């Protein structure tokens, strides 16, 4: 009976120690503060290949620029950018969408970023950029990058 209890405690201890060694580090969602936001029209020809949601109405291209502050100490990849964009009349530019783009890489500290957005041509400017923030992971979480297929 005593031998069985000792063996059980040894087995539990071995499993615990093994879990400390084998357990991978967790990839936690890292918040990125976005500030000093501005926007400008895209340079001529830079909106080539711009993807729309199937709506073929005329649209204007804008670059949203600002500062990204990453306090994690690690490079964050594929940071999703969320925010609200309104036209001069207070109407939403991207109805029912909070996610407005992606920053491919945010190094530790403060860095510049820019994302490209499309705005329906009939929505008047100036645009109002509100509640912008980003979040991503300090490592690859997607199974592959498109660059992996380039030869």
N, C-alpha and C. Protein backbone atom coordinates (compact mmCIF):
# COMPACT_ATOMS: atom_id res chain seq x y z
N UNK A 1 0.82 -1.19 0.00
CA UNK A 1 0.00 0.00 0.00
C UNK A 1 0.87 1.26 0.00
N UNK A 2 1.90 1.29 0.88
CA UNK A 2 2.78 2.45 0.95
C UNK A 2 3.53 2.63 -0.37
N UNK A 3 3.93 1.54 -0.95
CA UNK A 3 4.67 1.60 -2.22
C UNK A 3 3.80 2.22 -3.32
N UNK A 4 2.53 1.89 -3.33
CA UNK A 4 1.60 2.42 -4.32
C UNK A 4 1.44 3.94 -4.15
N UNK A 5 1.34 4.43 -2.92
CA UNK A 5 1.19 5.86 -2.64
C UNK A 5 2.46 6.60 -3.06
N UNK A 6 3.62 6.06 -2.73
CA UNK A 6 4.89 6.68 -3.10
C UNK A 6 5.02 6.73 -4.62
N UNK A 7 4.67 5.65 -5.30
CA UNK A 7 4.73 5.60 -6.76
C UNK A 7 3.80 6.64 -7.37
N UNK A 8 2.63 6.81 -6.80
CA UNK A 8 1.67 7.79 -7.31
C UNK A 8 2.24 9.21 -7.17
N UNK A 9 2.80 9.53 -5.99
CA UNK A 9 3.39 10.85 -5.79
C UNK A 9 4.56 11.08 -6.73
N UNK A 10 5.38 10.08 -6.95
CA UNK A 10 6.49 10.21 -7.88
C UNK A 10 6.01 10.45 -9.31
N UNK A 11 4.97 9.74 -9.70
CA UNK A 11 4.41 9.90 -11.05
C UNK A 11 3.83 11.30 -11.24
N UNK A 12 3.09 11.78 -10.25
CA UNK A 12 2.51 13.13 -10.32
C UNK A 12 3.63 14.17 -10.39
N UNK A 13 4.66 14.01 -9.57
CA UNK A 13 5.80 14.93 -9.60
C UNK A 13 6.51 14.92 -10.93
N UNK A 14 6.69 13.74 -11.52
CA UNK A 14 7.33 13.62 -12.83
C UNK A 14 6.51 14.29 -13.92
N UNK A 15 5.20 14.10 -13.88
CA UNK A 15 4.32 14.74 -14.86
C UNK A 15 4.39 16.27 -14.72
N UNK A 16 4.39 16.76 -13.49
CA UNK A 16 4.48 18.19 -13.24
C UNK A 16 5.79 18.76 -13.79
N UNK A 17 6.90 18.12 -13.49
CA UNK A 17 8.20 18.61 -13.97
C UNK A 17 8.29 18.55 -15.49
N UNK A 18 7.74 17.51 -16.09
CA UNK A 18 7.74 17.39 -17.55
C UNK A 18 6.90 18.51 -18.17
N UNK A 19 5.79 18.85 -17.55
CA UNK A 19 4.93 19.91 -18.11
C UNK A 19 5.64 21.26 -18.08
N UNK A 20 6.52 21.49 -17.13
CA UNK A 20 7.27 22.75 -17.09
C UNK A 20 8.26 22.85 -18.24
N UNK A 21 8.78 21.74 -18.66
CA UNK A 21 9.78 21.72 -19.73
C UNK A 21 9.13 21.71 -21.10
N UNK A 22 8.07 20.95 -21.27
CA UNK A 22 7.46 20.72 -22.57
C UNK A 22 6.45 21.79 -22.96
N UNK A 23 5.84 22.47 -22.01
CA UNK A 23 4.78 23.44 -22.31
C UNK A 23 5.34 24.62 -23.10
N UNK A 24 4.77 24.88 -24.29
CA UNK A 24 5.23 26.03 -25.08
C UNK A 24 4.77 27.33 -24.44
N UNK A 25 5.50 28.40 -24.72
CA UNK A 25 5.09 29.70 -24.20
C UNK A 25 3.82 30.15 -24.92
N UNK A 26 2.95 30.79 -24.18
CA UNK A 26 1.68 31.25 -24.76
C UNK A 26 1.91 32.52 -25.56
N UNK A 27 1.20 32.63 -26.66
CA UNK A 27 1.24 33.85 -27.47
C UNK A 27 0.02 34.69 -27.08
N UNK A 28 0.24 35.69 -26.28
CA UNK A 28 -0.86 36.52 -25.80
C UNK A 28 -1.10 37.67 -26.77
N UNK A 29 -2.34 38.08 -26.85
CA UNK A 29 -2.71 39.23 -27.66
C UNK A 29 -2.08 40.48 -27.04
N UNK A 30 -1.36 41.23 -27.85
CA UNK A 30 -0.64 42.40 -27.37
C UNK A 30 -1.31 43.68 -27.86
N UNK A 31 -1.75 44.55 -26.94
CA UNK A 31 -2.37 45.81 -27.37
C UNK A 31 -1.31 46.81 -27.83
N UNK A 32 -1.65 47.58 -28.85
CA UNK A 32 -0.77 48.62 -29.40
C UNK A 32 -1.55 49.93 -29.37
N UNK A 33 -0.97 50.95 -28.75
CA UNK A 33 -1.62 52.26 -28.71
C UNK A 33 -1.32 52.99 -30.02
N UNK A 34 -2.34 53.56 -30.65
CA UNK A 34 -2.20 54.35 -31.87
C UNK A 34 -2.58 55.80 -31.56
N UNK A 35 -1.74 56.74 -32.02
CA UNK A 35 -2.02 58.15 -31.75
C UNK A 35 -1.38 59.03 -32.84
N UNK A 36 -1.57 60.33 -32.72
CA UNK A 36 -1.13 61.31 -33.72
C UNK A 36 -1.64 60.93 -35.12
N UNK A 37 -2.91 60.60 -35.19
CA UNK A 37 -3.50 60.12 -36.45
C UNK A 37 -3.75 61.27 -37.43
N UNK A 38 -3.39 61.03 -38.67
CA UNK A 38 -3.68 61.94 -39.78
C UNK A 38 -4.06 61.08 -40.97
N UNK A 39 -4.50 61.73 -42.03
CA UNK A 39 -4.75 61.00 -43.28
C UNK A 39 -4.43 61.92 -44.44
N UNK A 40 -4.19 61.30 -45.58
CA UNK A 40 -3.94 62.04 -46.82
C UNK A 40 -4.37 61.18 -47.98
N UNK A 41 -4.60 61.83 -49.12
CA UNK A 41 -4.96 61.07 -50.31
C UNK A 41 -3.79 60.19 -50.73
N UNK A 42 -4.08 59.04 -51.28
CA UNK A 42 -3.03 58.14 -51.77
C UNK A 42 -2.32 58.80 -52.94
N UNK A 43 -1.02 58.57 -53.06
CA UNK A 43 -0.30 59.05 -54.25
C UNK A 43 -0.91 58.44 -55.51
N UNK A 44 -0.82 59.16 -56.61
CA UNK A 44 -1.38 58.68 -57.88
C UNK A 44 -0.80 57.31 -58.21
N UNK A 45 -1.66 56.36 -58.54
CA UNK A 45 -1.23 55.03 -58.94
C UNK A 45 -1.00 54.06 -57.80
N UNK A 46 -1.04 54.54 -56.55
CA UNK A 46 -0.76 53.63 -55.43
C UNK A 46 -1.95 52.77 -55.06
N UNK A 47 -3.13 53.08 -55.57
CA UNK A 47 -4.30 52.27 -55.23
C UNK A 47 -4.51 51.12 -56.22
N UNK A 48 -3.49 50.78 -56.97
CA UNK A 48 -3.57 49.63 -57.88
C UNK A 48 -3.74 48.38 -57.04
N UNK A 49 -4.68 47.53 -57.41
CA UNK A 49 -4.89 46.29 -56.69
C UNK A 49 -5.67 46.44 -55.40
N UNK A 50 -6.24 47.63 -55.15
CA UNK A 50 -7.02 47.84 -53.95
C UNK A 50 -8.25 46.95 -53.98
N UNK A 51 -8.47 46.22 -52.94
CA UNK A 51 -9.57 45.26 -52.88
C UNK A 51 -10.78 45.94 -52.26
N UNK A 52 -11.93 45.74 -52.88
CA UNK A 52 -13.16 46.26 -52.31
C UNK A 52 -14.04 45.08 -51.93
N UNK A 53 -15.16 45.37 -51.30
CA UNK A 53 -16.05 44.31 -50.84
C UNK A 53 -17.08 43.93 -51.89
N UNK A 54 -16.79 44.13 -53.15
CA UNK A 54 -17.72 43.77 -54.21
C UNK A 54 -18.54 44.95 -54.69
N UNK A 55 -18.44 46.06 -54.02
CA UNK A 55 -19.17 47.26 -54.40
C UNK A 55 -18.37 47.98 -55.47
N UNK A 56 -18.96 48.21 -56.62
CA UNK A 56 -18.23 48.79 -57.75
C UNK A 56 -18.45 50.29 -57.90
N UNK A 57 -18.98 50.96 -56.86
CA UNK A 57 -19.14 52.41 -56.91
C UNK A 57 -17.77 53.07 -56.80
N UNK A 58 -17.64 54.28 -57.35
CA UNK A 58 -16.36 54.99 -57.27
C UNK A 58 -15.94 55.20 -55.81
N UNK A 59 -14.64 55.10 -55.58
CA UNK A 59 -14.10 55.27 -54.23
C UNK A 59 -12.82 56.09 -54.28
N UNK A 60 -12.53 56.74 -53.18
CA UNK A 60 -11.28 57.48 -53.02
C UNK A 60 -10.36 56.69 -52.11
N UNK A 61 -9.08 56.78 -52.38
CA UNK A 61 -8.07 56.09 -51.60
C UNK A 61 -7.40 57.07 -50.64
N UNK A 62 -7.24 56.65 -49.38
CA UNK A 62 -6.57 57.47 -48.38
C UNK A 62 -5.55 56.64 -47.61
N UNK A 63 -4.49 57.29 -47.18
CA UNK A 63 -3.51 56.68 -46.28
C UNK A 63 -3.76 57.25 -44.89
N UNK A 64 -4.02 56.36 -43.94
CA UNK A 64 -4.13 56.77 -42.54
C UNK A 64 -2.76 56.53 -41.92
N UNK A 65 -2.20 57.60 -41.32
CA UNK A 65 -0.86 57.53 -40.75
C UNK A 65 -0.89 57.92 -39.28
N UNK A 66 0.11 57.45 -38.56
CA UNK A 66 0.21 57.82 -37.16
C UNK A 66 1.39 57.14 -36.49
N UNK A 67 1.35 57.16 -35.17
CA UNK A 67 2.38 56.53 -34.34
C UNK A 67 1.77 55.31 -33.66
N UNK A 68 2.58 54.26 -33.55
CA UNK A 68 2.19 53.03 -32.86
C UNK A 68 3.14 52.83 -31.69
N UNK A 69 2.59 52.63 -30.50
CA UNK A 69 3.41 52.43 -29.31
C UNK A 69 3.26 51.00 -28.82
N UNK A 70 4.35 50.24 -28.92
CA UNK A 70 4.38 48.84 -28.50
C UNK A 70 5.22 48.75 -27.23
N UNK A 71 4.57 48.51 -26.10
CA UNK A 71 5.27 48.45 -24.81
C UNK A 71 5.62 47.03 -24.39
N UNK A 72 5.40 46.05 -25.26
CA UNK A 72 5.61 44.64 -24.87
C UNK A 72 7.08 44.24 -24.82
N UNK A 73 7.95 44.98 -25.51
CA UNK A 73 9.35 44.59 -25.56
C UNK A 73 9.65 43.57 -26.66
N UNK A 74 8.62 43.14 -27.38
CA UNK A 74 8.78 42.17 -28.47
C UNK A 74 8.13 42.73 -29.73
N UNK A 75 8.62 42.32 -30.87
CA UNK A 75 8.01 42.73 -32.14
C UNK A 75 6.65 42.05 -32.28
N UNK A 76 5.65 42.84 -32.62
CA UNK A 76 4.29 42.32 -32.82
C UNK A 76 4.06 42.24 -34.33
N UNK A 77 3.54 41.10 -34.79
CA UNK A 77 3.28 40.91 -36.22
C UNK A 77 1.78 40.83 -36.49
N UNK A 78 1.41 41.24 -37.69
CA UNK A 78 0.01 41.19 -38.13
C UNK A 78 -0.95 41.82 -37.13
N UNK A 79 -0.65 43.04 -36.72
CA UNK A 79 -1.50 43.75 -35.76
C UNK A 79 -2.74 44.26 -36.48
N UNK A 80 -3.90 43.82 -36.04
CA UNK A 80 -5.17 44.29 -36.60
C UNK A 80 -5.45 45.69 -36.06
N UNK A 81 -5.82 46.60 -36.96
CA UNK A 81 -6.14 47.99 -36.59
C UNK A 81 -7.65 48.13 -36.55
N UNK A 82 -8.14 48.67 -35.44
CA UNK A 82 -9.57 48.90 -35.26
C UNK A 82 -9.79 50.39 -35.04
N UNK A 83 -10.90 50.88 -35.53
CA UNK A 83 -11.23 52.29 -35.33
C UNK A 83 -12.52 52.65 -36.02
N UNK A 84 -12.94 53.86 -35.77
CA UNK A 84 -14.15 54.40 -36.39
C UNK A 84 -13.74 55.56 -37.29
N UNK A 85 -14.26 55.58 -38.51
CA UNK A 85 -13.98 56.66 -39.45
C UNK A 85 -15.32 57.24 -39.89
N UNK A 86 -15.44 58.56 -39.75
CA UNK A 86 -16.67 59.25 -40.13
C UNK A 86 -16.36 60.30 -41.19
N UNK A 87 -17.36 60.57 -42.06
CA UNK A 87 -17.18 61.64 -43.06
C UNK A 87 -17.51 62.99 -42.42
N UNK A 88 -17.47 64.04 -43.22
CA UNK A 88 -17.70 65.40 -42.72
C UNK A 88 -19.09 65.58 -42.12
N UNK A 89 -20.06 64.75 -42.53
CA UNK A 89 -21.42 64.84 -42.00
C UNK A 89 -21.64 63.95 -40.79
N UNK A 90 -20.61 63.24 -40.34
CA UNK A 90 -20.75 62.35 -39.19
C UNK A 90 -21.25 60.96 -39.55
N UNK A 91 -21.31 60.66 -40.84
CA UNK A 91 -21.76 59.33 -41.27
C UNK A 91 -20.57 58.36 -41.29
N UNK A 92 -20.80 57.10 -40.87
CA UNK A 92 -19.70 56.14 -40.88
C UNK A 92 -19.21 55.85 -42.30
N UNK A 93 -17.91 55.79 -42.46
CA UNK A 93 -17.30 55.50 -43.76
C UNK A 93 -17.32 54.00 -44.02
N UNK A 94 -17.14 53.22 -42.98
CA UNK A 94 -17.11 51.75 -43.09
C UNK A 94 -18.21 51.20 -42.20
N UNK A 95 -19.40 51.14 -42.73
CA UNK A 95 -20.56 50.68 -41.99
C UNK A 95 -20.36 49.24 -41.52
N UNK A 96 -20.65 49.01 -40.24
CA UNK A 96 -20.58 47.67 -39.64
C UNK A 96 -19.19 47.05 -39.66
N UNK A 97 -18.16 47.90 -39.71
CA UNK A 97 -16.79 47.38 -39.67
C UNK A 97 -15.99 48.15 -38.64
N UNK A 98 -15.41 47.44 -37.71
CA UNK A 98 -14.52 48.06 -36.75
C UNK A 98 -13.06 47.90 -37.16
N UNK A 99 -12.77 46.77 -37.84
CA UNK A 99 -11.41 46.52 -38.29
C UNK A 99 -11.18 47.27 -39.58
N UNK A 100 -10.13 48.11 -39.61
CA UNK A 100 -9.89 48.94 -40.79
C UNK A 100 -8.61 48.60 -41.54
N UNK A 101 -7.77 47.73 -40.97
CA UNK A 101 -6.54 47.37 -41.66
C UNK A 101 -5.62 46.55 -40.80
N UNK A 102 -4.38 46.37 -41.29
CA UNK A 102 -3.37 45.58 -40.61
C UNK A 102 -2.01 46.27 -40.70
N UNK A 103 -1.29 46.26 -39.60
CA UNK A 103 0.10 46.69 -39.59
C UNK A 103 0.92 45.40 -39.56
N UNK A 104 1.73 45.17 -40.58
CA UNK A 104 2.45 43.90 -40.69
C UNK A 104 3.44 43.67 -39.57
N UNK A 105 4.10 44.74 -39.09
CA UNK A 105 5.11 44.56 -38.04
C UNK A 105 5.20 45.83 -37.21
N UNK A 106 5.14 45.66 -35.88
CA UNK A 106 5.27 46.79 -34.96
C UNK A 106 6.43 46.46 -34.00
N UNK A 107 7.59 47.10 -34.20
CA UNK A 107 8.73 46.83 -33.31
C UNK A 107 8.48 47.42 -31.92
N UNK A 108 9.25 46.99 -30.93
CA UNK A 108 9.10 47.57 -29.60
C UNK A 108 9.37 49.08 -29.63
N UNK A 109 8.67 49.81 -28.78
CA UNK A 109 8.83 51.27 -28.73
C UNK A 109 7.81 51.97 -29.60
N UNK A 110 8.16 53.17 -30.02
CA UNK A 110 7.27 53.99 -30.85
C UNK A 110 7.75 53.94 -32.30
N UNK A 111 6.83 53.69 -33.22
CA UNK A 111 7.17 53.65 -34.64
C UNK A 111 6.04 54.26 -35.46
N UNK A 112 6.36 54.65 -36.69
CA UNK A 112 5.35 55.16 -37.61
C UNK A 112 4.61 54.00 -38.25
N UNK A 113 3.35 54.22 -38.60
CA UNK A 113 2.58 53.22 -39.33
C UNK A 113 1.71 53.93 -40.35
N UNK A 114 1.25 53.16 -41.32
CA UNK A 114 0.24 53.66 -42.25
C UNK A 114 -0.57 52.49 -42.77
N UNK A 115 -1.85 52.74 -43.00
CA UNK A 115 -2.73 51.76 -43.62
C UNK A 115 -3.49 52.46 -44.74
N UNK A 116 -3.93 51.70 -45.70
CA UNK A 116 -4.69 52.23 -46.84
C UNK A 116 -6.16 51.91 -46.65
N UNK A 117 -7.01 52.90 -46.87
CA UNK A 117 -8.46 52.69 -46.79
C UNK A 117 -9.13 53.22 -48.05
N UNK A 118 -10.29 52.69 -48.36
CA UNK A 118 -11.13 53.17 -49.45
C UNK A 118 -12.38 53.81 -48.87
N UNK A 119 -12.74 54.96 -49.41
CA UNK A 119 -13.92 55.68 -48.95
C UNK A 119 -14.77 55.98 -50.17
N UNK A 120 -16.07 55.72 -50.07
CA UNK A 120 -16.98 56.00 -51.19
C UNK A 120 -16.80 57.45 -51.63
N UNK A 121 -16.74 57.66 -52.93
CA UNK A 121 -16.48 58.99 -53.50
C UNK A 121 -17.54 60.01 -53.11
N UNK A 122 -18.75 59.56 -52.78
CA UNK A 122 -19.82 60.50 -52.43
C UNK A 122 -19.80 60.90 -50.95
N UNK A 123 -18.83 60.42 -50.16
CA UNK A 123 -18.75 60.81 -48.76
C UNK A 123 -17.78 61.98 -48.63
N UNK A 124 -18.27 63.11 -48.10
CA UNK A 124 -17.46 64.32 -48.05
C UNK A 124 -16.36 64.27 -46.99
N UNK A 125 -15.27 64.95 -47.28
CA UNK A 125 -14.19 65.10 -46.33
C UNK A 125 -14.32 66.46 -45.66
N UNK A 126 -13.71 66.71 -44.55
CA UNK A 126 -12.65 65.95 -43.93
C UNK A 126 -13.18 64.74 -43.17
N UNK A 127 -12.34 63.72 -43.09
CA UNK A 127 -12.67 62.52 -42.34
C UNK A 127 -12.35 62.72 -40.87
N UNK A 128 -13.09 62.02 -40.02
CA UNK A 128 -12.83 62.04 -38.58
C UNK A 128 -12.38 60.63 -38.18
N UNK A 129 -11.21 60.53 -37.57
CA UNK A 129 -10.64 59.25 -37.15
C UNK A 129 -10.78 59.14 -35.63
N UNK A 130 -11.51 58.13 -35.16
CA UNK A 130 -11.78 58.01 -33.73
C UNK A 130 -11.56 56.59 -33.23
N UNK A 131 -11.22 56.49 -31.95
CA UNK A 131 -11.10 55.22 -31.23
C UNK A 131 -10.16 54.22 -31.92
N UNK A 132 -9.04 54.68 -32.44
CA UNK A 132 -8.10 53.79 -33.11
C UNK A 132 -7.24 53.06 -32.09
N UNK A 133 -7.06 51.78 -32.32
CA UNK A 133 -6.18 50.94 -31.52
C UNK A 133 -5.78 49.75 -32.38
N UNK A 134 -4.80 49.02 -31.93
CA UNK A 134 -4.37 47.83 -32.65
C UNK A 134 -4.03 46.74 -31.65
N UNK A 135 -4.01 45.51 -32.13
CA UNK A 135 -3.58 44.38 -31.30
C UNK A 135 -3.08 43.28 -32.22
N UNK A 136 -2.09 42.57 -31.73
CA UNK A 136 -1.49 41.49 -32.52
C UNK A 136 -0.74 40.55 -31.60
N UNK A 137 0.09 39.70 -32.18
CA UNK A 137 0.81 38.68 -31.44
C UNK A 137 2.31 38.83 -31.65
N UNK A 138 3.09 38.45 -30.64
CA UNK A 138 4.54 38.52 -30.72
C UNK A 138 5.08 37.22 -31.33
N UNK A 139 4.50 36.81 -32.42
CA UNK A 139 4.93 35.60 -33.13
C UNK A 139 3.90 35.24 -34.17
N UNK A 140 4.30 34.36 -35.07
CA UNK A 140 3.38 33.92 -36.12
C UNK A 140 2.24 33.12 -35.51
N UNK A 141 1.01 33.50 -35.80
CA UNK A 141 -0.11 32.72 -35.34
C UNK A 141 -0.87 32.13 -36.52
N UNK A 142 -0.63 32.65 -37.67
CA UNK A 142 -1.24 32.10 -38.87
C UNK A 142 -0.35 30.97 -39.37
N UNK A 143 -0.90 29.96 -40.01
CA UNK A 143 -0.08 28.83 -40.41
C UNK A 143 0.96 29.16 -41.47
N UNK A 144 0.77 30.26 -42.21
CA UNK A 144 1.75 30.62 -43.23
C UNK A 144 1.58 32.09 -43.59
N UNK A 145 2.59 32.62 -44.20
CA UNK A 145 2.53 33.96 -44.77
C UNK A 145 2.50 33.81 -46.28
N UNK A 146 1.97 34.80 -46.95
CA UNK A 146 1.96 34.76 -48.40
C UNK A 146 3.37 34.76 -48.94
N UNK A 147 4.30 35.39 -48.21
CA UNK A 147 5.71 35.43 -48.64
C UNK A 147 6.31 34.03 -48.69
N UNK A 148 5.76 33.09 -47.92
CA UNK A 148 6.29 31.74 -47.92
C UNK A 148 6.18 31.07 -49.28
N UNK A 149 5.28 31.58 -50.12
CA UNK A 149 5.06 30.95 -51.42
C UNK A 149 5.85 31.62 -52.54
N UNK A 150 6.52 32.71 -52.22
CA UNK A 150 7.31 33.38 -53.25
C UNK A 150 8.61 32.63 -53.44
N UNK A 151 9.03 32.47 -54.67
CA UNK A 151 10.23 31.69 -54.91
C UNK A 151 11.32 32.53 -55.27
